[in-house]
Amino acid sequence: MSLIDDVKVHLRITSDMYNAEIETLITSALADMKRMGLRSEVIGTEDDIANPLVKQAVILWCKSGFGYDNPEAPRFREMYRDLVTSLCNSSASEAMYRTEQELKCTESANEGVAASEME
């Protein structure tokens, strides 16, 4: 199922009449996640979002922005912000861990090269 179809299910929309509005909301959700600092490789693309938490964030953004009279919009926007903040924090932690691991591997490799040069 495509992302727009997933969002439409959660918005309880069956018609294609609102596709342009929904696609704009999807695009703006992805842009906002990048603006908040979520790495592109975590987000993916509109055609390929593998992370279910990113997909849920897009759905929450769309639920908060769809239509005119939505009394639940602030609640959905707050849920979106909490989820994206959590994703940013876990993504940053993962990136720092990966960077530390890469540094250790590089240091080990450099030590091995230095030792072999001394022989």
PDB file of N, CA and C in Angstrom:
ATOM      1  N   MET A   1       0.851  -1.172   0.000  1.00  0.00           N
ATOM      2  CA  MET A   1       0.000   0.000   0.000  1.00  0.00           C
ATOM      3  C   MET A   1       0.902   1.242   0.000  1.00  0.00           C
ATOM      4  N   SER A   2       0.556   2.220  -0.805  1.00  0.00           N
ATOM      5  CA  SER A   2       1.352   3.452  -0.876  1.00  0.00           C
ATOM      6  C   SER A   2       1.114   4.297   0.377  1.00  0.00           C
ATOM      7  N   LEU A   3       2.012   5.237   0.601  1.00  0.00           N
ATOM      8  CA  LEU A   3       1.903   6.087   1.784  1.00  0.00           C
ATOM      9  C   LEU A   3       0.610   6.898   1.763  1.00  0.00           C
ATOM     10  N   ILE A   4       0.259   7.431   0.608  1.00  0.00           N
ATOM     11  CA  ILE A   4      -0.987   8.222   0.548  1.00  0.00           C
ATOM     12  C   ILE A   4      -2.194   7.342   0.865  1.00  0.00           C
ATOM     13  N   ASP A   5      -2.164   6.092   0.421  1.00  0.00           N
ATOM     14  CA  ASP A   5      -3.269   5.186   0.732  1.00  0.00           C
ATOM     15  C   ASP A   5      -3.328   4.887   2.227  1.00  0.00           C
ATOM     16  N   ASP A   6      -2.169   4.695   2.855  1.00  0.00           N
ATOM     17  CA  ASP A   6      -2.131   4.484   4.310  1.00  0.00           C
ATOM     18  C   ASP A   6      -2.701   5.684   5.052  1.00  0.00           C
ATOM     19  N   VAL A   7      -2.293   6.877   4.637  1.00  0.00           N
ATOM     20  CA  VAL A   7      -2.775   8.096   5.294  1.00  0.00           C
ATOM     21  C   VAL A   7      -4.277   8.229   5.103  1.00  0.00           C
ATOM     22  N   LYS A   8      -4.762   7.963   3.901  1.00  0.00           N
ATOM     23  CA  LYS A   8      -6.199   8.075   3.638  1.00  0.00           C
ATOM     24  C   LYS A   8      -7.003   7.115   4.509  1.00  0.00           C
ATOM     25  N   VAL A   9      -6.471   5.925   4.753  1.00  0.00           N
ATOM     26  CA  VAL A   9      -7.161   4.973   5.638  1.00  0.00           C
ATOM     27  C   VAL A   9      -7.288   5.575   7.034  1.00  0.00           C
ATOM     28  N   HIS A  10      -6.205   6.169   7.537  1.00  0.00           N
ATOM     29  CA  HIS A  10      -6.229   6.746   8.871  1.00  0.00           C
ATOM     30  C   HIS A  10      -7.079   8.016   8.960  1.00  0.00           C
ATOM     31  N   LEU A  11      -7.225   8.706   7.840  1.00  0.00           N
ATOM     32  CA  LEU A  11      -8.103   9.880   7.797  1.00  0.00           C
ATOM     33  C   LEU A  11      -9.549   9.488   7.515  1.00  0.00           C
ATOM     34  N   ARG A  12      -9.756   8.206   7.240  1.00  0.00           N
ATOM     35  CA  ARG A  12     -11.076   7.667   6.891  1.00  0.00           C
ATOM     36  C   ARG A  12     -11.632   8.330   5.622  1.00  0.00           C
ATOM     37  N   ILE A  13     -10.737   8.444   4.623  1.00  0.00           N
ATOM     38  CA  ILE A  13     -11.076   9.046   3.335  1.00  0.00           C
ATOM     39  C   ILE A  13     -11.027   7.942   2.277  1.00  0.00           C
ATOM     40  N   THR A  14     -12.066   7.825   1.480  1.00  0.00           N
ATOM     41  CA  THR A  14     -12.070   6.829   0.407  1.00  0.00           C
ATOM     42  C   THR A  14     -11.980   7.473  -0.971  1.00  0.00           C
ATOM     43  N   SER A  15     -12.323   8.738  -1.052  1.00  0.00           N
ATOM     44  CA  SER A  15     -12.313   9.454  -2.329  1.00  0.00           C
ATOM     45  C   SER A  15     -10.906   9.958  -2.654  1.00  0.00           C
ATOM     46  N   ASP A  16     -10.659  10.148  -3.943  1.00  0.00           N
ATOM     47  CA  ASP A  16      -9.400  10.747  -4.387  1.00  0.00           C
ATOM     48  C   ASP A  16      -9.491  12.273  -4.435  1.00  0.00           C
ATOM     49  N   MET A  17     -10.623  12.816  -4.050  1.00  0.00           N
ATOM     50  CA  MET A  17     -10.871  14.242  -4.155  1.00  0.00           C
ATOM     51  C   MET A  17      -9.872  15.065  -3.322  1.00  0.00           C
ATOM     52  N   TYR A  18      -9.357  14.507  -2.233  1.00  0.00           N
ATOM     53  CA  TYR A  18      -8.458  15.242  -1.342  1.00  0.00           C
ATOM     54  C   TYR A  18      -6.991  14.855  -1.510  1.00  0.00           C
ATOM     55  N   ASN A  19      -6.672  14.115  -2.561  1.00  0.00           N
ATOM     56  CA  ASN A  19      -5.298  13.634  -2.753  1.00  0.00           C
ATOM     57  C   ASN A  19      -4.267  14.756  -2.778  1.00  0.00           C
ATOM     58  N   ALA A  20      -4.576  15.857  -3.439  1.00  0.00           N
ATOM     59  CA  ALA A  20      -3.608  16.963  -3.527  1.00  0.00           C
ATOM     60  C   ALA A  20      -3.304  17.516  -2.134  1.00  0.00           C
ATOM     61  N   GLU A  21      -4.323  17.705  -1.314  1.00  0.00           N
ATOM     62  CA  GLU A  21      -4.120  18.211   0.048  1.00  0.00           C
ATOM     63  C   GLU A  21      -3.320  17.210   0.880  1.00  0.00           C
ATOM     64  N   ILE A  22      -3.645  15.930   0.753  1.00  0.00           N
ATOM     65  CA  ILE A  22      -2.956  14.896   1.528  1.00  0.00           C
ATOM     66  C   ILE A  22      -1.497  14.786   1.086  1.00  0.00           C
ATOM     67  N   GLU A  23      -1.242  14.845  -0.216  1.00  0.00           N
ATOM     68  CA  GLU A  23       0.141  14.777  -0.699  1.00  0.00           C
ATOM     69  C   GLU A  23       0.960  15.968  -0.208  1.00  0.00           C
ATOM     70  N   THR A  24       0.334  17.142  -0.153  1.00  0.00           N
ATOM     71  CA  THR A  24       1.018  18.317   0.382  1.00  0.00           C
ATOM     72  C   THR A  24       1.347  18.119   1.861  1.00  0.00           C
ATOM     73  N   LEU A  25       0.411  17.560   2.602  1.00  0.00           N
ATOM     74  CA  LEU A  25       0.656  17.288   4.026  1.00  0.00           C
ATOM     75  C   LEU A  25       1.782  16.271   4.210  1.00  0.00           C
ATOM     76  N   ILE A  26       1.809  15.236   3.391  1.00  0.00           N
ATOM     77  CA  ILE A  26       2.869  14.222   3.478  1.00  0.00           C
ATOM     78  C   ILE A  26       4.230  14.866   3.211  1.00  0.00           C
ATOM     79  N   THR A  27       4.305  15.651   2.144  1.00  0.00           N
ATOM     80  CA  THR A  27       5.559  16.319   1.787  1.00  0.00           C
ATOM     81  C   THR A  27       6.011  17.261   2.900  1.00  0.00           C
ATOM     82  N   SER A  28       5.076  17.993   3.461  1.00  0.00           N
ATOM     83  CA  SER A  28       5.448  18.934   4.526  1.00  0.00           C
ATOM     84  C   SER A  28       5.848  18.189   5.805  1.00  0.00           C
ATOM     85  N   ALA A  29       5.257  17.043   6.079  1.00  0.00           N
ATOM     86  CA  ALA A  29       5.659  16.247   7.250  1.00  0.00           C
ATOM     87  C   ALA A  29       7.101  15.779   7.101  1.00  0.00           C
ATOM     88  N   LEU A  30       7.448  15.277   5.932  1.00  0.00           N
ATOM     89  CA  LEU A  30       8.820  14.808   5.697  1.00  0.00           C
ATOM     90  C   LEU A  30       9.813  15.970   5.799  1.00  0.00           C
ATOM     91  N   ALA A  31       9.428  17.128   5.256  1.00  0.00           N
ATOM     92  CA  ALA A  31      10.298  18.309   5.333  1.00  0.00           C
ATOM     93  C   ALA A  31      10.454  18.773   6.780  1.00  0.00           C
ATOM     94  N   ASP A  32       9.378  18.715   7.544  1.00  0.00           N
ATOM     95  CA  ASP A  32       9.450  19.144   8.941  1.00  0.00           C
ATOM     96  C   ASP A  32      10.335  18.200   9.757  1.00  0.00           C
ATOM     97  N   MET A  33      10.274  16.915   9.474  1.00  0.00           N
ATOM     98  CA  MET A  33      11.140  15.976  10.191  1.00  0.00           C
ATOM     99  C   MET A  33      12.610  16.278   9.911  1.00  0.00           C
ATOM    100  N   LYS A  34      12.923  16.603   8.662  1.00  0.00           N
ATOM    101  CA  LYS A  34      14.302  16.998   8.332  1.00  0.00           C
ATOM    102  C   LYS A  34      14.676  18.285   9.035  1.00  0.00           C
ATOM    103  N   ARG A  35      13.747  19.238   9.063  1.00  0.00           N
ATOM    104  CA  ARG A  35      13.988  20.515   9.733  1.00  0.00           C
ATOM    105  C   ARG A  35      14.263  20.307  11.217  1.00  0.00           C
ATOM    106  N   MET A  36      13.589  19.334  11.820  1.00  0.00           N
ATOM    107  CA  MET A  36      13.771  19.050  13.246  1.00  0.00           C
ATOM    108  C   MET A  36      15.075  18.285  13.520  1.00  0.00           C
ATOM    109  N   GLY A  37      15.734  17.825  12.460  1.00  0.00           N
ATOM    110  CA  GLY A  37      17.033  17.185  12.637  1.00  0.00           C
ATOM    111  C   GLY A  37      17.058  15.681  12.430  1.00  0.00           C
ATOM    112  N   LEU A  38      15.960  15.103  11.999  1.00  0.00           N
ATOM    113  CA  LEU A  38      15.952  13.664  11.733  1.00  0.00           C
ATOM    114  C   LEU A  38      16.703  13.402  10.434  1.00  0.00           C
ATOM    115  N   ARG A  39      17.645  12.473  10.497  1.00  0.00           N
ATOM    116  CA  ARG A  39      18.495  12.207   9.338  1.00  0.00           C
ATOM    117  C   ARG A  39      17.686  11.608   8.185  1.00  0.00           C
ATOM    118  N   SER A  40      18.087  11.970   6.978  1.00  0.00           N
ATOM    119  CA  SER A  40      17.391  11.514   5.763  1.00  0.00           C
ATOM    120  C   SER A  40      17.353   9.999   5.660  1.00  0.00           C
ATOM    121  N   GLU A  41      18.443   9.330   6.073  1.00  0.00           N
ATOM    122  CA  GLU A  41      18.449   7.866   5.960  1.00  0.00           C
ATOM    123  C   GLU A  41      17.462   7.220   6.930  1.00  0.00           C
ATOM    124  N   VAL A  42      17.092   7.922   7.990  1.00  0.00           N
ATOM    125  CA  VAL A  42      16.071   7.405   8.909  1.00  0.00           C
ATOM    126  C   VAL A  42      14.688   7.642   8.324  1.00  0.00           C
ATOM    127  N   ILE A  43      14.508   8.815   7.714  1.00  0.00           N
ATOM    128  CA  ILE A  43      13.197   9.169   7.155  1.00  0.00           C
ATOM    129  C   ILE A  43      12.871   8.327   5.929  1.00  0.00           C
ATOM    130  N   GLY A  44      13.824   8.201   5.023  1.00  0.00           N
ATOM    131  CA  GLY A  44      13.546   7.535   3.756  1.00  0.00           C
ATOM    132  C   GLY A  44      12.936   8.536   2.791  1.00  0.00           C
ATOM    133  N   THR A  45      12.222   8.031   1.811  1.00  0.00           N
ATOM    134  CA  THR A  45      11.550   8.904   0.839  1.00  0.00           C
ATOM    135  C   THR A  45      10.059   8.605   0.884  1.00  0.00           C
ATOM    136  N   GLU A  46       9.288   9.470   0.274  1.00  0.00           N
ATOM    137  CA  GLU A  46       7.842   9.286   0.259  1.00  0.00           C
ATOM    138  C   GLU A  46       7.476   7.927  -0.334  1.00  0.00           C
ATOM    139  N   ASP A  47       8.283   7.457  -1.279  1.00  0.00           N
ATOM    140  CA  ASP A  47       8.010   6.171  -1.921  1.00  0.00           C
ATOM    141  C   ASP A  47       8.567   4.990  -1.142  1.00  0.00           C
ATOM    142  N   ASP A  48       9.449   5.269  -0.171  1.00  0.00           N
ATOM    143  CA  ASP A  48      10.102   4.175   0.541  1.00  0.00           C
ATOM    144  C   ASP A  48      10.367   4.549   1.997  1.00  0.00           C
ATOM    145  N   ILE A  49       9.329   4.479   2.817  1.00  0.00           N
ATOM    146  CA  ILE A  49       9.477   4.712   4.254  1.00  0.00           C
ATOM    147  C   ILE A  49       9.395   3.355   4.926  1.00  0.00           C
ATOM    148  N   ALA A  50      10.555   2.850   5.334  1.00  0.00           N
ATOM    149  CA  ALA A  50      10.608   1.521   5.945  1.00  0.00           C
ATOM    150  C   ALA A  50      10.333   1.571   7.444  1.00  0.00           C
ATOM    151  N   ASN A  51      10.681   2.683   8.085  1.00  0.00           N
ATOM    152  CA  ASN A  51      10.539   2.798   9.526  1.00  0.00           C
ATOM    153  C   ASN A  51       9.073   3.065   9.881  1.00  0.00           C
ATOM    154  N   PRO A  52       8.434   2.144  10.615  1.00  0.00           N
ATOM    155  CA  PRO A  52       7.017   2.342  10.943  1.00  0.00           C
ATOM    156  C   PRO A  52       6.767   3.555  11.835  1.00  0.00           C
ATOM    157  N   LEU A  53       7.772   3.974  12.617  1.00  0.00           N
ATOM    158  CA  LEU A  53       7.594   5.157  13.458  1.00  0.00           C
ATOM    159  C   LEU A  53       7.577   6.428  12.616  1.00  0.00           C
ATOM    160  N   VAL A  54       8.360   6.453  11.553  1.00  0.00           N
ATOM    161  CA  VAL A  54       8.336   7.599  10.644  1.00  0.00           C
ATOM    162  C   VAL A  54       6.983   7.650   9.939  1.00  0.00           C
ATOM    163  N   LYS A  55       6.500   6.500   9.527  1.00  0.00           N
ATOM    164  CA  LYS A  55       5.182   6.450   8.871  1.00  0.00           C
ATOM    165  C   LYS A  55       4.098   6.938   9.833  1.00  0.00           C
ATOM    166  N   GLN A  56       4.175   6.526  11.103  1.00  0.00           N
ATOM    167  CA  GLN A  56       3.202   6.975  12.095  1.00  0.00           C
ATOM    168  C   GLN A  56       3.289   8.489  12.298  1.00  0.00           C
ATOM    169  N   ALA A  57       4.499   9.027  12.287  1.00  0.00           N
ATOM    170  CA  ALA A  57       4.665  10.473  12.423  1.00  0.00           C
ATOM    171  C   ALA A  57       4.001  11.206  11.257  1.00  0.00           C
ATOM    172  N   VAL A  58       4.168  10.694  10.053  1.00  0.00           N
ATOM    173  CA  VAL A  58       3.528  11.308   8.879  1.00  0.00           C
ATOM    174  C   VAL A  58       2.006  11.272   9.048  1.00  0.00           C
ATOM    175  N   ILE A  59       1.490  10.153   9.495  1.00  0.00           N
ATOM    176  CA  ILE A  59       0.041  10.024   9.689  1.00  0.00           C
ATOM    177  C   ILE A  59      -0.457  11.025  10.728  1.00  0.00           C
ATOM    178  N   LEU A  60       0.277  11.155  11.838  1.00  0.00           N
ATOM    179  CA  LEU A  60      -0.128  12.107  12.873  1.00  0.00           C
ATOM    180  C   LEU A  60      -0.107  13.543  12.353  1.00  0.00           C
ATOM    181  N   TRP A  61       0.932  13.881  11.577  1.00  0.00           N
ATOM    182  CA  TRP A  61       1.016  15.224  10.983  1.00  0.00           C
ATOM    183  C   TRP A  61      -0.202  15.465  10.089  1.00  0.00           C
ATOM    184  N   CYS A  62      -0.525  14.474   9.270  1.00  0.00           N
ATOM    185  CA  CYS A  62      -1.656  14.621   8.352  1.00  0.00           C
ATOM    186  C   CYS A  62      -2.973  14.738   9.118  1.00  0.00           C
ATOM    187  N   LYS A  63      -3.120  13.957  10.181  1.00  0.00           N
ATOM    188  CA  LYS A  63      -4.343  14.035  10.984  1.00  0.00           C
ATOM    189  C   LYS A  63      -4.464  15.394  11.664  1.00  0.00           C
ATOM    190  N   SER A  64      -3.332  16.009  11.986  1.00  0.00           N
ATOM    191  CA  SER A  64      -3.394  17.314  12.646  1.00  0.00           C
ATOM    192  C   SER A  64      -3.664  18.448  11.659  1.00  0.00           C
ATOM    193  N   GLY A  65      -3.345  18.241  10.392  1.00  0.00           N
ATOM    194  CA  GLY A  65      -3.465  19.323   9.426  1.00  0.00           C
ATOM    195  C   GLY A  65      -4.590  19.184   8.423  1.00  0.00           C
ATOM    196  N   PHE A  66      -5.269  18.046   8.419  1.00  0.00           N
ATOM    197  CA  PHE A  66      -6.278  17.803   7.394  1.00  0.00           C
ATOM    198  C   PHE A  66      -7.597  18.472   7.783  1.00  0.00           C
ATOM    199  N   GLY A  67      -8.190  19.152   6.818  1.00  0.00           N
ATOM    200  CA  GLY A  67      -9.497  19.766   7.027  1.00  0.00           C
ATOM    201  C   GLY A  67      -9.390  21.083   7.783  1.00  0.00           C
ATOM    202  N   TYR A  68     -10.542  21.671   8.043  1.00  0.00           N
ATOM    203  CA  TYR A  68     -10.574  22.986   8.680  1.00  0.00           C
ATOM    204  C   TYR A  68     -10.975  22.928  10.148  1.00  0.00           C
ATOM    205  N   ASP A  69     -11.964  22.159  10.471  1.00  0.00           N
ATOM    206  CA  ASP A  69     -12.525  22.158  11.823  1.00  0.00           C
ATOM    207  C   ASP A  69     -12.182  20.837  12.501  1.00  0.00           C
ATOM    208  N   ASN A  70     -10.989  20.794  13.095  1.00  0.00           N
ATOM    209  CA  ASN A  70     -10.532  19.562  13.730  1.00  0.00           C
ATOM    210  C   ASN A  70     -10.146  19.862  15.178  1.00  0.00           C
ATOM    211  N   PRO A  71     -11.045  19.616  16.126  1.00  0.00           N
ATOM    212  CA  PRO A  71     -10.726  19.931  17.517  1.00  0.00           C
ATOM    213  C   PRO A  71      -9.588  19.072  18.090  1.00  0.00           C
ATOM    214  N   GLU A  72      -9.277  17.960  17.444  1.00  0.00           N
ATOM    215  CA  GLU A  72      -8.209  17.072  17.915  1.00  0.00           C
ATOM    216  C   GLU A  72      -6.841  17.432  17.325  1.00  0.00           C
ATOM    217  N   ALA A  73      -6.791  18.424  16.448  1.00  0.00           N
ATOM    218  CA  ALA A  73      -5.542  18.784  15.777  1.00  0.00           C
ATOM    219  C   ALA A  73      -4.396  19.066  16.748  1.00  0.00           C
ATOM    220  N   PRO A  74      -4.597  19.851  17.805  1.00  0.00           N
ATOM    221  CA  PRO A  74      -3.472  20.096  18.722  1.00  0.00           C
ATOM    222  C   PRO A  74      -2.941  18.819  19.372  1.00  0.00           C
ATOM    223  N   ARG A  75      -3.831  17.902  19.692  1.00  0.00           N
ATOM    224  CA  ARG A  75      -3.407  16.634  20.303  1.00  0.00           C
ATOM    225  C   ARG A  75      -2.577  15.814  19.326  1.00  0.00           C
ATOM    226  N   PHE A  76      -3.003  15.742  18.069  1.00  0.00           N
ATOM    227  CA  PHE A  76      -2.239  15.001  17.056  1.00  0.00           C
ATOM    228  C   PHE A  76      -0.889  15.665  16.798  1.00  0.00           C
ATOM    229  N   ARG A  77      -0.856  17.010  16.779  1.00  0.00           N
ATOM    230  CA  ARG A  77       0.405  17.723  16.542  1.00  0.00           C
ATOM    231  C   ARG A  77       1.376  17.484  17.704  1.00  0.00           C
ATOM    232  N   GLU A  78       0.864  17.457  18.920  1.00  0.00           N
ATOM    233  CA  GLU A  78       1.725  17.187  20.074  1.00  0.00           C
ATOM    234  C   GLU A  78       2.269  15.755  20.019  1.00  0.00           C
ATOM    235  N   MET A  79       1.427  14.813  19.636  1.00  0.00           N
ATOM    236  CA  MET A  79       1.877  13.421  19.496  1.00  0.00           C
ATOM    237  C   MET A  79       2.955  13.322  18.413  1.00  0.00           C
ATOM    238  N   TYR A  80       2.753  14.047  17.311  1.00  0.00           N
ATOM    239  CA  TYR A  80       3.739  14.082  16.226  1.00  0.00           C
ATOM    240  C   TYR A  80       5.074  14.610  16.748  1.00  0.00           C
ATOM    241  N   ARG A  81       5.041  15.752  17.426  1.00  0.00           N
ATOM    242  CA  ARG A  81       6.268  16.369  17.941  1.00  0.00           C
ATOM    243  C   ARG A  81       6.993  15.425  18.913  1.00  0.00           C
ATOM    244  N   ASP A  82       6.252  14.788  19.803  1.00  0.00           N
ATOM    245  CA  ASP A  82       6.865  13.857  20.759  1.00  0.00           C
ATOM    246  C   ASP A  82       7.540  12.698  20.036  1.00  0.00           C
ATOM    247  N   LEU A  83       6.859  12.151  19.039  1.00  0.00           N
ATOM    248  CA  LEU A  83       7.406  11.015  18.301  1.00  0.00           C
ATOM    249  C   LEU A  83       8.655  11.418  17.518  1.00  0.00           C
ATOM    250  N   VAL A  84       8.614  12.543  16.821  1.00  0.00           N
ATOM    251  CA  VAL A  84       9.766  12.967  16.028  1.00  0.00           C
ATOM    252  C   VAL A  84      10.941  13.323  16.940  1.00  0.00           C
ATOM    253  N   THR A  85      10.661  13.954  18.070  1.00  0.00           N
ATOM    254  CA  THR A  85      11.732  14.268  19.021  1.00  0.00           C
ATOM    255  C   THR A  85      12.382  12.985  19.519  1.00  0.00           C
ATOM    256  N   SER A  86      11.576  12.001  19.825  1.00  0.00           N
ATOM    257  CA  SER A  86      12.110  10.707  20.261  1.00  0.00           C
ATOM    258  C   SER A  86      12.936  10.056  19.155  1.00  0.00           C
ATOM    259  N   LEU A  87      12.457  10.121  17.937  1.00  0.00           N
ATOM    260  CA  LEU A  87      13.199   9.573  16.808  1.00  0.00           C
ATOM    261  C   LEU A  87      14.523  10.307  16.612  1.00  0.00           C
ATOM    262  N   CYS A  88      14.502  11.620  16.755  1.00  0.00           N
ATOM    263  CA  CYS A  88      15.741  12.405  16.617  1.00  0.00           C
ATOM    264  C   CYS A  88      16.742  12.004  17.693  1.00  0.00           C
ATOM    265  N   ASN A  89      16.265  11.854  18.912  1.00  0.00           N
ATOM    266  CA  ASN A  89      17.159  11.488  20.009  1.00  0.00           C
ATOM    267  C   ASN A  89      17.738  10.091  19.815  1.00  0.00           C
ATOM    268  N   SER A  90      16.913   9.147  19.437  1.00  0.00           N
ATOM    269  CA  SER A  90      17.422   7.783  19.244  1.00  0.00           C
ATOM    270  C   SER A  90      18.297   7.709  18.009  1.00  0.00           C
ATOM    271  N   SER A  91      17.966   8.488  16.988  1.00  0.00           N
ATOM    272  CA  SER A  91      18.760   8.534  15.771  1.00  0.00           C
ATOM    273  C   SER A  91      20.127   9.139  16.056  1.00  0.00           C
ATOM    274  N   ALA A  92      20.153  10.211  16.861  1.00  0.00           N
ATOM    275  CA  ALA A  92      21.420  10.846  17.211  1.00  0.00           C
ATOM    276  C   ALA A  92      22.274   9.908  18.046  1.00  0.00           C
ATOM    277  N   SER A  93      21.656   9.205  18.988  1.00  0.00           N
ATOM    278  CA  SER A  93      22.396   8.258  19.821  1.00  0.00           C
ATOM    279  C   SER A  93      22.984   7.144  18.973  1.00  0.00           C
ATOM    280  N   GLU A  94      22.181   6.652  18.048  1.00  0.00           N
ATOM    281  CA  GLU A  94      22.642   5.585  17.160  1.00  0.00           C
ATOM    282  C   GLU A  94      23.805   6.072  16.301  1.00  0.00           C
ATOM    283  N   ALA A  95      23.688   7.307  15.801  1.00  0.00           N
ATOM    284  CA  ALA A  95      24.751   7.867  14.955  1.00  0.00           C
ATOM    285  C   ALA A  95      26.030   8.060  15.762  1.00  0.00           C
ATOM    286  N   MET A  96      25.903   8.524  17.016  1.00  0.00           N
ATOM    287  CA  MET A  96      27.088   8.704  17.855  1.00  0.00           C
ATOM    288  C   MET A  96      27.736   7.364  18.155  1.00  0.00           C
ATOM    289  N   TYR A  97      26.902   6.346  18.447  1.00  0.00           N
ATOM    290  CA  TYR A  97      27.444   5.020  18.723  1.00  0.00           C
ATOM    291  C   TYR A  97      28.167   4.489  17.489  1.00  0.00           C
ATOM    292  N   ARG A  98      27.527   4.657  16.330  1.00  0.00           N
ATOM    293  CA  ARG A  98      28.125   4.165  15.094  1.00  0.00           C
ATOM    294  C   ARG A  98      29.438   4.896  14.827  1.00  0.00           C
ATOM    295  N   THR A  99      29.474   6.198  15.058  1.00  0.00           N
ATOM    296  CA  THR A  99      30.688   6.979  14.848  1.00  0.00           C
ATOM    297  C   THR A  99      31.791   6.506  15.791  1.00  0.00           C
ATOM    298  N   GLU A 100      31.457   6.250  17.061  1.00  0.00           N
ATOM    299  CA  GLU A 100      32.446   5.750  18.016  1.00  0.00           C
ATOM    300  C   GLU A 100      32.984   4.396  17.568  1.00  0.00           C
ATOM    301  N   GLN A 101      32.099   3.532  17.107  1.00  0.00           N
ATOM    302  CA  GLN A 101      32.514   2.210  16.641  1.00  0.00           C
ATOM    303  C   GLN A 101      33.417   2.338  15.414  1.00  0.00           C
ATOM    304  N   GLU A 102      33.047   3.240  14.493  1.00  0.00           N
ATOM    305  CA  GLU A 102      33.865   3.443  13.299  1.00  0.00           C
ATOM    306  C   GLU A 102      35.236   3.984  13.680  1.00  0.00           C
ATOM    307  N   LEU A 103      35.288   4.894  14.663  1.00  0.00           N
ATOM    308  CA  LEU A 103      36.569   5.427  15.122  1.00  0.00           C
ATOM    309  C   LEU A 103      37.437   4.319  15.718  1.00  0.00           C
ATOM    310  N   LYS A 104      36.824   3.446  16.517  1.00  0.00           N
ATOM    311  CA  LYS A 104      37.579   2.346  17.115  1.00  0.00           C
ATOM    312  C   LYS A 104      38.134   1.424  16.037  1.00  0.00           C
ATOM    313  N   CYS A 105      37.318   1.136  15.033  1.00  0.00           N
ATOM    314  CA  CYS A 105      37.775   0.275  13.937  1.00  0.00           C
ATOM    315  C   CYS A 105      38.917   0.942  13.179  1.00  0.00           C
ATOM    316  N   THR A 106      38.783   2.246  12.929  1.00  0.00           N
ATOM    317  CA  THR A 106      39.829   2.981  12.218  1.00  0.00           C
ATOM    318  C   THR A 106      41.114   3.010  13.040  1.00  0.00           C
ATOM    319  N   GLU A 107      40.986   3.252  14.350  1.00  0.00           N
ATOM    320  CA  GLU A 107      42.162   3.268  15.215  1.00  0.00           C
ATOM    321  C   GLU A 107      42.836   1.901  15.233  1.00  0.00           C
ATOM    322  N   SER A 108      42.035   0.851  15.324  1.00  0.00           N
ATOM    323  CA  SER A 108      42.594  -0.504  15.323  1.00  0.00           C
ATOM    324  C   SER A 108      43.307  -0.789  14.011  1.00  0.00           C
ATOM    325  N   ALA A 109      42.689  -0.371  12.917  1.00  0.00           N
ATOM    326  CA  ALA A 109      43.305  -0.599  11.610  1.00  0.00           C
ATOM    327  C   ALA A 109      44.603   0.191  11.495  1.00  0.00           C
ATOM    328  N   ASN A 110      44.599   1.423  11.978  1.00  0.00           N
ATOM    329  CA  ASN A 110      45.811   2.245  11.929  1.00  0.00           C
ATOM    330  C   ASN A 110      46.920   1.657  12.796  1.00  0.00           C
ATOM    331  N   GLU A 111      46.554   1.120  13.963  1.00  0.00           N
ATOM    332  CA  GLU A 111      47.545   0.486  14.835  1.00  0.00           C
ATOM    333  C   GLU A 111      48.146  -0.741  14.152  1.00  0.00           C
ATOM    334  N   GLY A 112      47.295  -1.500  13.456  1.00  0.00           N
ATOM    335  CA  GLY A 112      47.777  -2.678  12.743  1.00  0.00           C
ATOM    336  C   GLY A 112      48.721  -2.312  11.622  1.00  0.00           C
ATOM    337  N   VAL A 113      48.417  -1.223  10.911  1.00  0.00           N
ATOM    338  CA  VAL A 113      49.294  -0.762   9.839  1.00  0.00           C
ATOM    339  C   VAL A 113      50.610  -0.268  10.415  1.00  0.00           C
ATOM    340  N   ALA A 114      50.534   0.476  11.488  1.00  0.00           N
ATOM    341  CA  ALA A 114      51.748   1.004  12.116  1.00  0.00           C
ATOM    342  C   ALA A 114      52.644  -0.142  12.620  1.00  0.00           C
ATOM    343  N   ALA A 115      52.023  -1.164  13.194  1.00  0.00           N
ATOM    344  CA  ALA A 115      52.796  -2.308  13.702  1.00  0.00           C
ATOM    345  C   ALA A 115      53.461  -3.075  12.559  1.00  0.00           C
ATOM    346  N   SER A 116      52.739  -3.217  11.448  1.00  0.00           N
ATOM    347  CA  SER A 116      53.311  -3.950  10.326  1.00  0.00           C
ATOM    348  C   SER A 116      54.439  -3.153   9.656  1.00  0.00           C
ATOM    349  N   GLU A 117      54.351  -1.815   9.712  1.00  0.00           N
ATOM    350  CA  GLU A 117      55.406  -0.976   9.131  1.00  0.00           C
ATOM    351  C   GLU A 117      56.687  -1.041   9.971  1.00  0.00           C
ATOM    352  N   MET A 118      56.526  -1.286  11.275  1.00  0.00           N
ATOM    353  CA  MET A 118      57.693  -1.343  12.169  1.00  0.00           C
ATOM    354  C   MET A 118      58.458  -2.652  11.999  1.00  0.00           C
ATOM    355  N   GLU A 119      57.795  -3.669  11.502  1.00  0.00           N
ATOM    356  CA  GLU A 119      58.429  -4.986  11.376  1.00  0.00           C
ATOM    357  C   GLU A 119      59.391  -5.048  10.250  1.00  0.00           C
TER     358      GLU A 119
END
